[in-house]
């Protein structure tokens, strides 16, 4: 999904979650360097995943869930879609948990995150660390 398509789907709520300026144009600029995915449920954009390659670090994952769904369970299909998108072409990602919500989402997916020493709110997620596999 392009940054423009992503921004159009999530501009109404993503800027509130990640602290990005609220206009679609500003959001599109912020999302341009990343591989962006919007998770849909019943035709509604409920979560955003961004994966950005950072030199000397690897692939960095950021996740935001629609504010109306914070504290609620997501469907199995949404969680399966997220795992497939994240690990389809990679064995591990670095999770940045700046808002605290990304780690909760990863735990709901069955992840067993490993905290990276010396990096506040930064975790390693690997294919091998998922409870019950990635199905």
Protein backbone atom coordinates (compact mmCIF):
# COMPACT_ATOMS: atom_id res chain seq x y z
CA UNK A 1 0.00 0.00 0.00
CA UNK A 2 1.41 3.41 -0.89
CA UNK A 3 1.89 6.15 1.67
CA UNK A 4 -0.89 8.14 -0.02
CA UNK A 5 -3.35 5.21 0.15
CA UNK A 6 -2.38 4.52 3.77
CA UNK A 7 -2.79 8.16 4.79
CA UNK A 8 -6.24 8.30 3.20
CA UNK A 9 -7.37 5.18 5.13
CA UNK A 10 -6.09 6.15 8.57
CA UNK A 11 -5.75 9.95 8.71
CA UNK A 12 -8.86 10.23 10.87
CA UNK A 13 -7.29 8.39 13.80
CA UNK A 14 -3.61 7.56 13.24
CA UNK A 15 -2.41 11.10 13.88
CA UNK A 16 -4.00 10.96 17.35
CA UNK A 17 -2.27 7.68 18.16
CA UNK A 18 1.26 8.38 16.90
CA UNK A 19 1.42 12.14 17.48
CA UNK A 20 1.84 13.06 13.82
CA UNK A 21 0.33 16.24 12.35
CA UNK A 22 -3.32 15.65 11.47
CA UNK A 23 -3.40 16.50 7.78
CA UNK A 24 -3.36 13.77 5.16
CA UNK A 25 -0.42 15.46 3.39
CA UNK A 26 1.75 15.56 6.54
CA UNK A 27 0.87 11.98 7.37
CA UNK A 28 1.69 10.85 3.83
CA UNK A 29 5.14 12.49 4.06
CA UNK A 30 5.81 10.77 7.40
CA UNK A 31 4.80 7.37 5.99
CA UNK A 32 6.65 7.59 2.66
CA UNK A 33 9.89 5.84 3.70
CA UNK A 34 8.05 2.85 5.19
CA UNK A 35 6.36 -0.32 3.93
CA UNK A 36 2.82 0.48 5.11
CA UNK A 37 -0.09 -1.88 5.73
CA UNK A 38 -3.62 -1.15 6.92
CA UNK A 39 -5.51 -3.98 8.61
CA UNK A 40 -9.21 -3.96 7.83
CA UNK A 41 -12.11 -5.51 9.69
CA UNK A 42 -15.57 -5.25 8.17
CA UNK A 43 -14.39 -2.56 5.74
CA UNK A 44 -13.01 -0.37 8.54
CA UNK A 45 -9.33 0.47 8.94
CA UNK A 46 -8.53 -0.79 12.45
CA UNK A 47 -4.74 -0.99 12.59
CA UNK A 48 -1.66 0.28 10.80
CA UNK A 49 1.67 -1.50 10.47
CA UNK A 50 4.80 0.17 9.15
CA UNK A 51 8.07 -1.61 8.48
CA UNK A 52 11.10 0.51 7.69
CA UNK A 53 14.58 -0.74 6.88
CA UNK A 54 17.11 1.06 9.08
CA UNK A 55 20.81 0.63 8.21
CA UNK A 56 22.79 -1.28 10.86
CA UNK A 57 19.54 -2.12 12.66
CA UNK A 58 17.40 -4.15 10.28
CA UNK A 59 13.67 -3.91 9.76
CA UNK A 60 11.90 -1.75 12.35
CA UNK A 61 8.21 -2.31 13.02
CA UNK A 62 5.73 0.24 14.28
CA UNK A 63 2.11 -0.64 15.02
CA UNK A 64 -0.90 1.52 15.82
CA UNK A 65 -4.40 0.27 16.61
CA UNK A 66 -7.53 2.40 16.17
CA UNK A 67 -8.17 4.22 19.48
CA UNK A 68 -11.71 2.82 19.70
CA UNK A 69 -10.21 -0.68 19.90
CA UNK A 70 -7.66 -0.05 22.65
CA UNK A 71 -8.21 -2.60 25.36
CA UNK A 72 -10.44 -4.76 23.15
CA UNK A 73 -9.64 -8.08 21.49
CA UNK A 74 -9.00 -8.18 17.77
CA UNK A 75 -10.32 -10.99 15.60
CA UNK A 76 -8.12 -13.99 14.80
CA UNK A 77 -8.13 -13.05 11.11
CA UNK A 78 -6.75 -9.56 11.86
CA UNK A 79 -4.01 -11.01 14.06
CA UNK A 80 -3.17 -13.65 11.43
CA UNK A 81 -2.99 -10.95 8.75
CA UNK A 82 -0.62 -8.91 10.89
CA UNK A 83 1.73 -11.86 11.48
CA UNK A 84 1.71 -12.75 7.78
CA UNK A 85 2.50 -9.16 6.75
CA UNK A 86 5.32 -8.80 9.27
CA UNK A 87 7.03 -12.15 8.77
CA UNK A 88 6.26 -13.00 5.15
CA UNK A 89 9.72 -11.94 3.95
CA UNK A 90 11.74 -11.62 7.16
CA UNK A 91 12.75 -13.75 10.14
CA UNK A 92 12.80 -10.96 12.71
CA UNK A 93 11.91 -7.29 13.24
CA UNK A 94 12.76 -4.66 15.80
CA UNK A 95 9.62 -3.38 17.55
CA UNK A 96 9.55 0.23 18.69
CA UNK A 97 7.06 0.55 21.53
CA UNK A 98 6.97 4.31 21.99
CA UNK A 99 3.27 4.49 22.93
CA UNK A 100 3.04 1.20 24.81
CA UNK A 101 0.31 -0.10 22.48
CA UNK A 102 2.63 -1.82 19.98
CA UNK A 103 3.93 -4.24 22.60
CA UNK A 104 0.39 -5.13 23.68
CA UNK A 105 -0.52 -5.83 20.05
CA UNK A 106 2.57 -8.04 19.62
CA UNK A 107 1.67 -9.99 22.76
CA UNK A 108 -1.88 -10.51 21.41
CA UNK A 109 -0.32 -11.95 18.26
CA UNK A 110 1.47 -14.55 20.42
CA UNK A 111 4.91 -12.96 20.34
CA UNK A 112 7.51 -13.60 23.00
CA UNK A 113 9.41 -10.30 22.64
CA UNK A 114 13.02 -9.94 23.73
CA UNK A 115 13.97 -6.57 25.19
CA UNK A 116 17.05 -5.08 23.53
CA UNK A 117 19.52 -4.07 26.27
CA UNK A 118 20.26 -0.36 26.44
CA UNK A 119 17.33 0.54 24.16
CA UNK A 120 14.28 1.83 26.02
CA UNK A 121 10.97 0.45 24.70
CA UNK A 122 12.70 -1.55 21.94
CA UNK A 123 12.15 -5.27 21.44
CA UNK A 124 13.17 -8.02 19.05
CA UNK A 125 10.42 -10.17 17.54
CA UNK A 126 11.34 -13.31 15.64
CA UNK A 127 9.39 -15.96 13.74
CA UNK A 128 10.75 -18.60 16.10
CA UNK A 129 9.49 -16.82 19.22
CA UNK A 130 5.75 -17.03 18.45
CA UNK A 131 3.64 -19.26 20.65
CA UNK A 132 1.81 -21.75 18.45
CA UNK A 133 3.67 -20.69 15.31
CA UNK A 134 2.61 -18.16 12.73
CA UNK A 135 -0.58 -19.74 11.34
